[in-house]
Amino acid sequence: MAEEIKKPVEAQEEKTQAEELEEMEKKAGELNEEKETKKPEKERAGILYIYTSKNNTILTLTDMAGNTLSRSSGGQSTKQSRLKSSPTIAMFATKKIEEDAREYGINSLYVRIKAQTGETSPGSAYHAVIKALGRDDFRVVSIMDITKNPRGGPKKPGGRRGRRV
């Protein structure tokens, strides 16, 4: 008689396990349908201007029309003035720009690098900024150096033979 009582209980357990499997399959099917129905994200582009000097790094995010959406600099990220131009601090400034870009729905960027006029190369921080953007799933469409080159300009001080000390 005890065996008869156990059989219906075991049958009930088997039913519940079978029902659980069916429920799990339904949930898995619903999740797959949700993944399939999601629309691909619309690609929205922006322009990131990176101004680097020996003393600071300034980042400006604009839309394609040139309207400023966000601004950040090394000086906003640190209190020590000697660190404003370092690559590490530039990465912190980039994080703020990235948050604002995601808020506006921007996922691809045109990067414009600018150094001080007459400098042979931009500061050391621009490379860290571009690397940080690539790591955080931003598509960098193009990188352009827009540093101005002096052509002649005013007469240099010191006279013909230079400054005598």
N, C-alpha and C. Protein backbone atom coordinates (compact mmCIF):
# COMPACT_ATOMS: atom_id res chain seq x y z
N MET A 1 0.80 -1.18 0.00
CA MET A 1 0.00 0.00 0.00
C MET A 1 0.86 1.27 0.00
N ALA A 2 1.98 1.16 0.68
CA ALA A 2 2.89 2.30 0.71
C ALA A 2 3.43 2.57 -0.69
N GLU A 3 3.64 1.51 -1.48
CA GLU A 3 4.11 1.66 -2.84
C GLU A 3 3.08 2.38 -3.70
N GLU A 4 1.81 2.10 -3.48
CA GLU A 4 0.76 2.75 -4.24
C GLU A 4 0.72 4.24 -3.95
N ILE A 5 0.98 4.61 -2.70
CA ILE A 5 0.97 6.02 -2.33
C ILE A 5 2.16 6.73 -2.98
N LYS A 6 3.31 6.05 -3.03
CA LYS A 6 4.51 6.66 -3.59
C LYS A 6 4.38 6.89 -5.09
N LYS A 7 3.71 5.99 -5.80
CA LYS A 7 3.59 6.11 -7.24
C LYS A 7 2.89 7.39 -7.67
N PRO A 8 1.75 7.72 -7.12
CA PRO A 8 1.12 8.98 -7.55
C PRO A 8 1.98 10.20 -7.20
N VAL A 9 2.68 10.18 -6.08
CA VAL A 9 3.54 11.31 -5.71
C VAL A 9 4.67 11.45 -6.73
N GLU A 10 5.29 10.32 -7.12
CA GLU A 10 6.35 10.36 -8.11
C GLU A 10 5.81 10.85 -9.46
N ALA A 11 4.61 10.44 -9.82
CA ALA A 11 4.00 10.88 -11.08
C ALA A 11 3.77 12.39 -11.04
N GLN A 12 3.34 12.89 -9.87
CA GLN A 12 3.14 14.33 -9.73
C GLN A 12 4.47 15.09 -9.87
N GLU A 13 5.54 14.54 -9.28
CA GLU A 13 6.85 15.18 -9.38
C GLU A 13 7.32 15.21 -10.83
N GLU A 14 7.08 14.11 -11.55
CA GLU A 14 7.47 14.07 -12.95
C GLU A 14 6.69 15.10 -13.76
N LYS A 15 5.42 15.25 -13.47
CA LYS A 15 4.62 16.23 -14.16
C LYS A 15 5.14 17.64 -13.89
N THR A 16 5.45 17.90 -12.65
CA THR A 16 5.92 19.24 -12.32
C THR A 16 7.26 19.51 -12.99
N GLN A 17 8.12 18.50 -13.08
CA GLN A 17 9.39 18.69 -13.76
C GLN A 17 9.16 18.94 -15.26
N ALA A 18 8.23 18.18 -15.83
CA ALA A 18 7.92 18.38 -17.24
C ALA A 18 7.32 19.76 -17.46
N GLU A 19 6.45 20.20 -16.56
CA GLU A 19 5.88 21.53 -16.67
C GLU A 19 6.96 22.61 -16.55
N GLU A 20 7.89 22.38 -15.63
CA GLU A 20 8.99 23.33 -15.45
C GLU A 20 9.82 23.44 -16.73
N LEU A 21 10.09 22.31 -17.35
CA LEU A 21 10.85 22.33 -18.60
C LEU A 21 10.10 23.10 -19.68
N GLU A 22 8.79 22.88 -19.77
CA GLU A 22 7.98 23.60 -20.75
C GLU A 22 8.02 25.11 -20.49
N GLU A 23 7.91 25.48 -19.23
CA GLU A 23 7.96 26.90 -18.88
C GLU A 23 9.31 27.52 -19.23
N MET A 24 10.37 26.77 -18.95
CA MET A 24 11.71 27.27 -19.27
C MET A 24 11.88 27.44 -20.78
N GLU A 25 11.35 26.49 -21.55
CA GLU A 25 11.44 26.59 -23.01
C GLU A 25 10.65 27.80 -23.51
N LYS A 26 9.48 28.04 -22.93
CA LYS A 26 8.68 29.20 -23.32
C LYS A 26 9.45 30.49 -23.04
N LYS A 27 10.05 30.57 -21.84
CA LYS A 27 10.81 31.77 -21.48
C LYS A 27 11.98 31.98 -22.42
N ALA A 28 12.67 30.88 -22.74
CA ALA A 28 13.81 30.98 -23.66
C ALA A 28 13.34 31.44 -25.03
N GLY A 29 12.21 30.94 -25.46
CA GLY A 29 11.66 31.37 -26.75
C GLY A 29 11.29 32.84 -26.75
N GLU A 30 10.72 33.31 -25.63
CA GLU A 30 10.37 34.73 -25.52
C GLU A 30 11.61 35.60 -25.56
N LEU A 31 12.68 35.16 -24.86
CA LEU A 31 13.92 35.94 -24.86
C LEU A 31 14.50 36.01 -26.26
N ASN A 32 14.48 34.88 -26.98
CA ASN A 32 14.99 34.88 -28.35
C ASN A 32 14.18 35.82 -29.24
N GLU A 33 12.86 35.83 -29.05
CA GLU A 33 12.02 36.72 -29.84
C GLU A 33 12.34 38.18 -29.53
N GLU A 34 12.59 38.49 -28.24
CA GLU A 34 12.93 39.86 -27.87
C GLU A 34 14.24 40.29 -28.53
N LYS A 35 15.21 39.39 -28.54
CA LYS A 35 16.50 39.72 -29.16
C LYS A 35 16.34 39.96 -30.66
N GLU A 36 15.48 39.17 -31.29
CA GLU A 36 15.29 39.32 -32.72
C GLU A 36 14.52 40.59 -33.06
N THR A 37 13.59 40.99 -32.19
CA THR A 37 12.76 42.15 -32.49
C THR A 37 13.45 43.47 -32.18
N LYS A 38 14.56 43.45 -31.44
CA LYS A 38 15.27 44.69 -31.14
C LYS A 38 15.80 45.30 -32.43
N LYS A 39 15.59 46.59 -32.59
CA LYS A 39 16.08 47.27 -33.77
C LYS A 39 17.55 47.61 -33.59
N PRO A 40 18.33 47.55 -34.64
CA PRO A 40 19.72 47.95 -34.51
C PRO A 40 19.80 49.44 -34.19
N GLU A 41 20.79 49.79 -33.36
CA GLU A 41 20.93 51.18 -32.94
C GLU A 41 21.23 52.07 -34.14
N LYS A 42 20.58 53.21 -34.17
CA LYS A 42 20.84 54.17 -35.22
C LYS A 42 22.17 54.84 -34.94
N GLU A 43 23.02 54.87 -35.95
CA GLU A 43 24.34 55.45 -35.76
C GLU A 43 24.24 56.96 -35.83
N ARG A 44 24.69 57.60 -34.77
CA ARG A 44 24.66 59.06 -34.71
C ARG A 44 26.09 59.53 -34.49
N ALA A 45 26.51 60.48 -35.28
CA ALA A 45 27.91 60.91 -35.25
C ALA A 45 28.05 62.26 -34.57
N GLY A 46 29.23 62.50 -34.05
CA GLY A 46 29.59 63.77 -33.45
C GLY A 46 31.04 64.08 -33.77
N ILE A 47 31.47 65.27 -33.40
CA ILE A 47 32.86 65.68 -33.63
C ILE A 47 33.50 65.94 -32.28
N LEU A 48 34.66 65.34 -32.04
CA LEU A 48 35.40 65.57 -30.81
C LEU A 48 36.66 66.36 -31.13
N TYR A 49 36.75 67.56 -30.58
CA TYR A 49 37.94 68.39 -30.76
C TYR A 49 38.84 68.19 -29.56
N ILE A 50 40.11 67.84 -29.82
CA ILE A 50 41.09 67.65 -28.76
C ILE A 50 42.16 68.72 -28.92
N TYR A 51 42.24 69.63 -27.96
CA TYR A 51 43.29 70.65 -27.98
C TYR A 51 44.31 70.27 -26.92
N THR A 52 45.55 70.03 -27.36
CA THR A 52 46.59 69.63 -26.42
C THR A 52 47.72 70.64 -26.44
N SER A 53 48.20 70.95 -25.27
CA SER A 53 49.37 71.80 -25.14
C SER A 53 50.26 71.18 -24.07
N LYS A 54 51.34 71.84 -23.75
CA LYS A 54 52.23 71.31 -22.72
C LYS A 54 51.65 71.49 -21.33
N ASN A 55 50.62 72.34 -21.20
CA ASN A 55 50.06 72.63 -19.88
C ASN A 55 48.67 72.07 -19.64
N ASN A 56 47.92 71.71 -20.67
CA ASN A 56 46.55 71.27 -20.45
C ASN A 56 46.04 70.49 -21.67
N THR A 57 44.94 69.79 -21.48
CA THR A 57 44.23 69.09 -22.56
C THR A 57 42.77 69.48 -22.47
N ILE A 58 42.19 69.99 -23.55
CA ILE A 58 40.80 70.42 -23.56
C ILE A 58 40.05 69.61 -24.60
N LEU A 59 38.93 69.00 -24.20
CA LEU A 59 38.10 68.18 -25.08
C LEU A 59 36.75 68.87 -25.26
N THR A 60 36.30 68.98 -26.50
CA THR A 60 35.00 69.59 -26.79
C THR A 60 34.24 68.66 -27.72
N LEU A 61 33.04 68.27 -27.30
CA LEU A 61 32.17 67.41 -28.11
C LEU A 61 31.10 68.26 -28.76
N THR A 62 30.97 68.16 -30.09
CA THR A 62 29.93 68.90 -30.81
C THR A 62 29.13 67.94 -31.67
N ASP A 63 27.94 68.40 -32.07
CA ASP A 63 27.19 67.62 -33.04
C ASP A 63 27.72 67.97 -34.43
N MET A 64 27.14 67.39 -35.45
CA MET A 64 27.67 67.59 -36.80
C MET A 64 27.46 69.03 -37.30
N ALA A 65 26.55 69.75 -36.69
CA ALA A 65 26.33 71.15 -37.07
C ALA A 65 27.31 72.09 -36.38
N GLY A 66 28.05 71.60 -35.39
CA GLY A 66 29.02 72.43 -34.69
C GLY A 66 28.53 72.98 -33.37
N ASN A 67 27.35 72.58 -32.93
CA ASN A 67 26.83 73.04 -31.64
C ASN A 67 27.49 72.26 -30.51
N THR A 68 28.04 72.96 -29.53
CA THR A 68 28.76 72.31 -28.44
C THR A 68 27.78 71.56 -27.54
N LEU A 69 28.08 70.27 -27.31
CA LEU A 69 27.26 69.43 -26.45
C LEU A 69 27.91 69.26 -25.08
N SER A 70 29.23 69.16 -25.05
CA SER A 70 29.93 68.92 -23.79
C SER A 70 31.37 69.41 -23.89
N ARG A 71 31.91 69.81 -22.75
CA ARG A 71 33.30 70.26 -22.69
C ARG A 71 33.94 69.71 -21.43
N SER A 72 35.19 69.32 -21.53
CA SER A 72 35.92 68.83 -20.38
C SER A 72 37.40 69.11 -20.58
N SER A 73 38.12 69.24 -19.48
CA SER A 73 39.56 69.50 -19.59
C SER A 73 40.30 68.79 -18.47
N GLY A 74 41.60 68.76 -18.61
CA GLY A 74 42.44 68.16 -17.58
C GLY A 74 42.36 68.94 -16.28
N GLY A 75 42.18 70.25 -16.36
CA GLY A 75 42.09 71.07 -15.17
C GLY A 75 40.83 70.80 -14.36
N GLN A 76 39.76 70.33 -15.00
CA GLN A 76 38.54 69.97 -14.28
C GLN A 76 38.67 68.62 -13.59
N SER A 77 39.62 67.80 -14.04
CA SER A 77 39.75 66.44 -13.53
C SER A 77 40.76 66.32 -12.40
N THR A 78 41.63 67.31 -12.22
CA THR A 78 42.66 67.21 -11.19
C THR A 78 42.89 68.58 -10.56
N LYS A 79 43.47 68.55 -9.35
CA LYS A 79 43.79 69.81 -8.68
C LYS A 79 45.24 70.21 -8.89
N GLN A 80 46.12 69.23 -9.14
CA GLN A 80 47.52 69.55 -9.35
C GLN A 80 47.73 70.08 -10.76
N SER A 81 48.28 71.28 -10.86
CA SER A 81 48.43 71.89 -12.18
C SER A 81 49.48 71.18 -13.02
N ARG A 82 50.43 70.51 -12.39
CA ARG A 82 51.47 69.82 -13.15
C ARG A 82 50.94 68.59 -13.86
N LEU A 83 49.77 68.08 -13.45
CA LEU A 83 49.22 66.86 -14.04
C LEU A 83 48.17 67.12 -15.11
N LYS A 84 47.81 68.38 -15.36
CA LYS A 84 46.71 68.68 -16.28
C LYS A 84 46.94 68.14 -17.68
N SER A 85 48.18 68.06 -18.12
CA SER A 85 48.45 67.62 -19.49
C SER A 85 48.82 66.15 -19.58
N SER A 86 48.77 65.41 -18.48
CA SER A 86 49.21 64.01 -18.51
C SER A 86 48.15 63.12 -19.18
N PRO A 87 48.57 62.01 -19.76
CA PRO A 87 47.64 61.09 -20.43
C PRO A 87 46.60 60.50 -19.48
N THR A 88 46.98 60.23 -18.24
CA THR A 88 46.05 59.64 -17.29
C THR A 88 44.89 60.59 -17.01
N ILE A 89 45.19 61.84 -16.77
CA ILE A 89 44.15 62.83 -16.50
C ILE A 89 43.30 63.05 -17.75
N ALA A 90 43.90 62.96 -18.93
CA ALA A 90 43.13 63.10 -20.17
C ALA A 90 42.11 61.98 -20.30
N MET A 91 42.45 60.79 -19.81
CA MET A 91 41.50 59.67 -19.84
C MET A 91 40.32 59.95 -18.92
N PHE A 92 40.55 60.58 -17.76
CA PHE A 92 39.46 60.92 -16.86
C PHE A 92 38.54 61.96 -17.51
N ALA A 93 39.12 62.93 -18.20
CA ALA A 93 38.31 63.92 -18.91
C ALA A 93 37.51 63.25 -20.02
N THR A 94 38.08 62.24 -20.65
CA THR A 94 37.40 61.51 -21.72
C THR A 94 36.17 60.78 -21.18
N LYS A 95 36.25 60.25 -19.97
CA LYS A 95 35.11 59.54 -19.37
C LYS A 95 33.89 60.46 -19.28
N LYS A 96 34.11 61.70 -18.88
CA LYS A 96 33.00 62.66 -18.79
C LYS A 96 32.40 62.91 -20.18
N ILE A 97 33.26 63.07 -21.17
CA ILE A 97 32.79 63.29 -22.54
C ILE A 97 32.00 62.08 -23.03
N GLU A 98 32.48 60.87 -22.72
CA GLU A 98 31.80 59.65 -23.16
C GLU A 98 30.40 59.54 -22.54
N GLU A 99 30.28 59.89 -21.26
CA GLU A 99 28.97 59.83 -20.61
C GLU A 99 27.99 60.79 -21.31
N ASP A 100 28.45 61.99 -21.60
CA ASP A 100 27.59 62.96 -22.27
C ASP A 100 27.24 62.51 -23.69
N ALA A 101 28.20 61.89 -24.38
CA ALA A 101 27.94 61.41 -25.74
C ALA A 101 26.89 60.31 -25.73
N ARG A 102 26.95 59.41 -24.77
CA ARG A 102 25.95 58.35 -24.67
C ARG A 102 24.57 58.95 -24.35
N GLU A 103 24.56 60.00 -23.53
CA GLU A 103 23.31 60.66 -23.18
C GLU A 103 22.64 61.25 -24.42
N TYR A 104 23.45 61.79 -25.34
CA TYR A 104 22.91 62.35 -26.58
C TYR A 104 22.74 61.31 -27.68
N GLY A 105 23.13 60.07 -27.42
CA GLY A 105 22.95 59.00 -28.40
C GLY A 105 24.04 58.93 -29.45
N ILE A 106 25.17 59.54 -29.19
CA ILE A 106 26.28 59.54 -30.16
C ILE A 106 27.11 58.28 -29.95
N ASN A 107 27.37 57.54 -31.05
CA ASN A 107 28.18 56.33 -30.93
C ASN A 107 29.33 56.28 -31.94
N SER A 108 29.46 57.28 -32.79
CA SER A 108 30.63 57.36 -33.67
C SER A 108 31.14 58.80 -33.67
N LEU A 109 32.46 58.93 -33.77
CA LEU A 109 33.07 60.24 -33.61
C LEU A 109 34.08 60.54 -34.71
N TYR A 110 34.09 61.77 -35.14
CA TYR A 110 35.16 62.31 -35.97
C TYR A 110 36.08 63.06 -35.01
N VAL A 111 37.35 62.72 -35.00
CA VAL A 111 38.28 63.32 -34.05
C VAL A 111 39.14 64.35 -34.76
N ARG A 112 39.22 65.55 -34.17
CA ARG A 112 40.06 66.63 -34.68
C ARG A 112 41.07 66.99 -33.60
N ILE A 113 42.36 66.86 -33.91
CA ILE A 113 43.42 67.14 -32.95
C ILE A 113 44.06 68.47 -33.30
N LYS A 114 44.24 69.31 -32.28
CA LYS A 114 44.86 70.60 -32.50
C LYS A 114 45.90 70.84 -31.42
N ALA A 115 47.06 71.34 -31.83
CA ALA A 115 48.11 71.71 -30.89
C ALA A 115 48.32 73.22 -30.99
N GLN A 116 49.23 73.74 -30.19
CA GLN A 116 49.52 75.17 -30.27
C GLN A 116 50.18 75.46 -31.61
N THR A 117 49.88 76.63 -32.15
CA THR A 117 50.43 77.02 -33.45
C THR A 117 51.94 77.03 -33.40
N GLY A 118 52.55 76.40 -34.37
CA GLY A 118 54.00 76.37 -34.44
C GLY A 118 54.64 75.16 -33.77
N GLU A 119 53.88 74.39 -33.01
CA GLU A 119 54.43 73.19 -32.37
C GLU A 119 54.61 72.10 -33.42
N THR A 120 55.66 71.31 -33.26
CA THR A 120 55.92 70.24 -34.23
C THR A 120 54.98 69.06 -34.06
N SER A 121 54.54 68.81 -32.81
CA SER A 121 53.61 67.70 -32.58
C SER A 121 52.67 68.06 -31.44
N PRO A 122 51.48 67.44 -31.41
CA PRO A 122 50.56 67.72 -30.30
C PRO A 122 51.11 67.15 -28.99
N GLY A 123 50.49 67.53 -27.87
CA GLY A 123 50.91 67.03 -26.57
C GLY A 123 50.75 65.52 -26.46
N SER A 124 51.17 64.98 -25.35
CA SER A 124 51.20 63.52 -25.19
C SER A 124 49.83 62.92 -24.88
N ALA A 125 48.83 63.72 -24.56
CA ALA A 125 47.57 63.18 -24.07
C ALA A 125 46.60 62.74 -25.16
N TYR A 126 46.77 63.23 -26.37
CA TYR A 126 45.77 62.92 -27.41
C TYR A 126 45.69 61.43 -27.71
N HIS A 127 46.82 60.75 -27.66
CA HIS A 127 46.85 59.32 -27.96
C HIS A 127 46.04 58.54 -26.92
N ALA A 128 46.16 58.92 -25.65
CA ALA A 128 45.41 58.25 -24.58
C ALA A 128 43.90 58.48 -24.74
N VAL A 129 43.52 59.65 -25.20
CA VAL A 129 42.10 59.96 -25.41
C VAL A 129 41.52 59.05 -26.49
N ILE A 130 42.22 58.91 -27.59
CA ILE A 130 41.72 58.09 -28.70
C ILE A 130 41.65 56.62 -28.30
N LYS A 131 42.64 56.16 -27.55
CA LYS A 131 42.62 54.77 -27.07
C LYS A 131 41.43 54.53 -26.14
N ALA A 132 41.16 55.47 -25.26
CA ALA A 132 40.04 55.33 -24.33
C ALA A 132 38.71 55.29 -25.09
N LEU A 133 38.58 56.09 -26.13
CA LEU A 133 37.36 56.07 -26.93
C LEU A 133 37.16 54.72 -27.61
N GLY A 134 38.23 54.17 -28.15
CA GLY A 134 38.14 52.87 -28.82
C GLY A 134 37.78 51.76 -27.86
N ARG A 135 38.30 51.83 -26.65
CA ARG A 135 38.02 50.80 -25.65
C ARG A 135 36.56 50.81 -25.21
N ASP A 136 35.93 51.97 -25.23
CA ASP A 136 34.57 52.09 -24.73
C ASP A 136 33.52 52.06 -25.84
N ASP A 137 33.79 51.32 -26.89
CA ASP A 137 32.82 51.04 -27.97
C ASP A 137 32.36 52.27 -28.74
N PHE A 138 33.23 53.25 -28.89
CA PHE A 138 32.93 54.35 -29.79
C PHE A 138 33.65 54.08 -31.09
N ARG A 139 32.96 54.33 -32.18
CA ARG A 139 33.56 54.12 -33.50
C ARG A 139 34.23 55.42 -33.91
N VAL A 140 35.55 55.37 -34.07
CA VAL A 140 36.30 56.55 -34.50
C VAL A 140 36.36 56.51 -36.02
N VAL A 141 35.63 57.42 -36.66
CA VAL A 141 35.51 57.42 -38.11
C VAL A 141 36.78 57.95 -38.75
N SER A 142 37.25 59.10 -38.28
CA SER A 142 38.48 59.66 -38.84
C SER A 142 39.20 60.48 -37.78
N ILE A 143 40.52 60.60 -37.97
CA ILE A 143 41.36 61.40 -37.08
C ILE A 143 42.09 62.39 -37.96
N MET A 144 41.95 63.68 -37.63
CA MET A 144 42.57 64.71 -38.45
C MET A 144 43.32 65.69 -37.55
N ASP A 145 44.52 66.08 -38.00
CA ASP A 145 45.31 67.08 -37.28
C ASP A 145 45.01 68.44 -37.90
N ILE A 146 44.46 69.35 -37.11
CA ILE A 146 44.08 70.67 -37.63
C ILE A 146 44.96 71.78 -37.05
N THR A 147 46.18 71.45 -36.65
CA THR A 147 47.09 72.44 -36.09
C THR A 147 47.48 73.44 -37.18
N LYS A 148 47.48 74.72 -36.82
CA LYS A 148 47.83 75.75 -37.78
C LYS A 148 49.35 75.88 -37.90
N ASN A 149 49.83 76.15 -39.12
CA ASN A 149 51.25 76.34 -39.36
C ASN A 149 51.53 77.81 -39.61
N PRO A 150 52.51 78.38 -38.93
CA PRO A 150 52.83 79.78 -39.18
C PRO A 150 53.52 79.94 -40.53
N ARG A 151 53.18 80.98 -41.25
CA ARG A 151 53.80 81.25 -42.55
C ARG A 151 54.41 82.65 -42.50
N GLY A 152 55.66 82.73 -42.13
CA GLY A 152 56.31 84.03 -42.01
C GLY A 152 56.01 84.63 -40.65
N GLY A 153 54.98 85.44 -40.57
CA GLY A 153 54.59 86.02 -39.31
C GLY A 153 55.41 87.25 -38.95
N PRO A 154 55.27 87.75 -37.75
CA PRO A 154 56.01 88.95 -37.36
C PRO A 154 57.50 88.66 -37.18
N LYS A 155 58.28 89.73 -37.19
CA LYS A 155 59.73 89.61 -37.03
C LYS A 155 60.06 89.10 -35.64
N LYS A 156 60.98 88.15 -35.58
CA LYS A 156 61.37 87.58 -34.30
C LYS A 156 62.18 88.60 -33.51
N PRO A 157 62.03 88.62 -32.18
CA PRO A 157 62.76 89.58 -31.37
C PRO A 157 64.24 89.23 -31.29
N GLY A 158 65.05 90.23 -31.08
CA GLY A 158 66.48 89.97 -30.85
C GLY A 158 67.38 90.55 -31.90
N GLY A 159 66.86 90.99 -33.01
CA GLY A 159 67.71 91.57 -34.04
C GLY A 159 68.38 90.54 -34.92
N ARG A 160 69.29 91.02 -35.76
CA ARG A 160 69.90 90.15 -36.76
C ARG A 160 70.79 89.09 -36.15
N ARG A 161 71.53 89.45 -35.12
CA ARG A 161 72.47 88.49 -34.52
C ARG A 161 71.91 87.80 -33.29
N GLY A 162 70.64 88.00 -32.97
CA GLY A 162 70.04 87.35 -31.81
C GLY A 162 70.26 88.16 -30.55
N ARG A 163 69.74 87.68 -29.46
CA ARG A 163 69.85 88.38 -28.18
C ARG A 163 71.22 88.12 -27.59
N ARG A 164 71.87 89.19 -27.16
CA ARG A 164 73.18 89.04 -26.54
C ARG A 164 73.00 89.02 -25.02
N VAL A 165 73.63 88.06 -24.42
CA VAL A 165 73.50 87.93 -22.97
C VAL A 165 74.69 88.43 -22.25
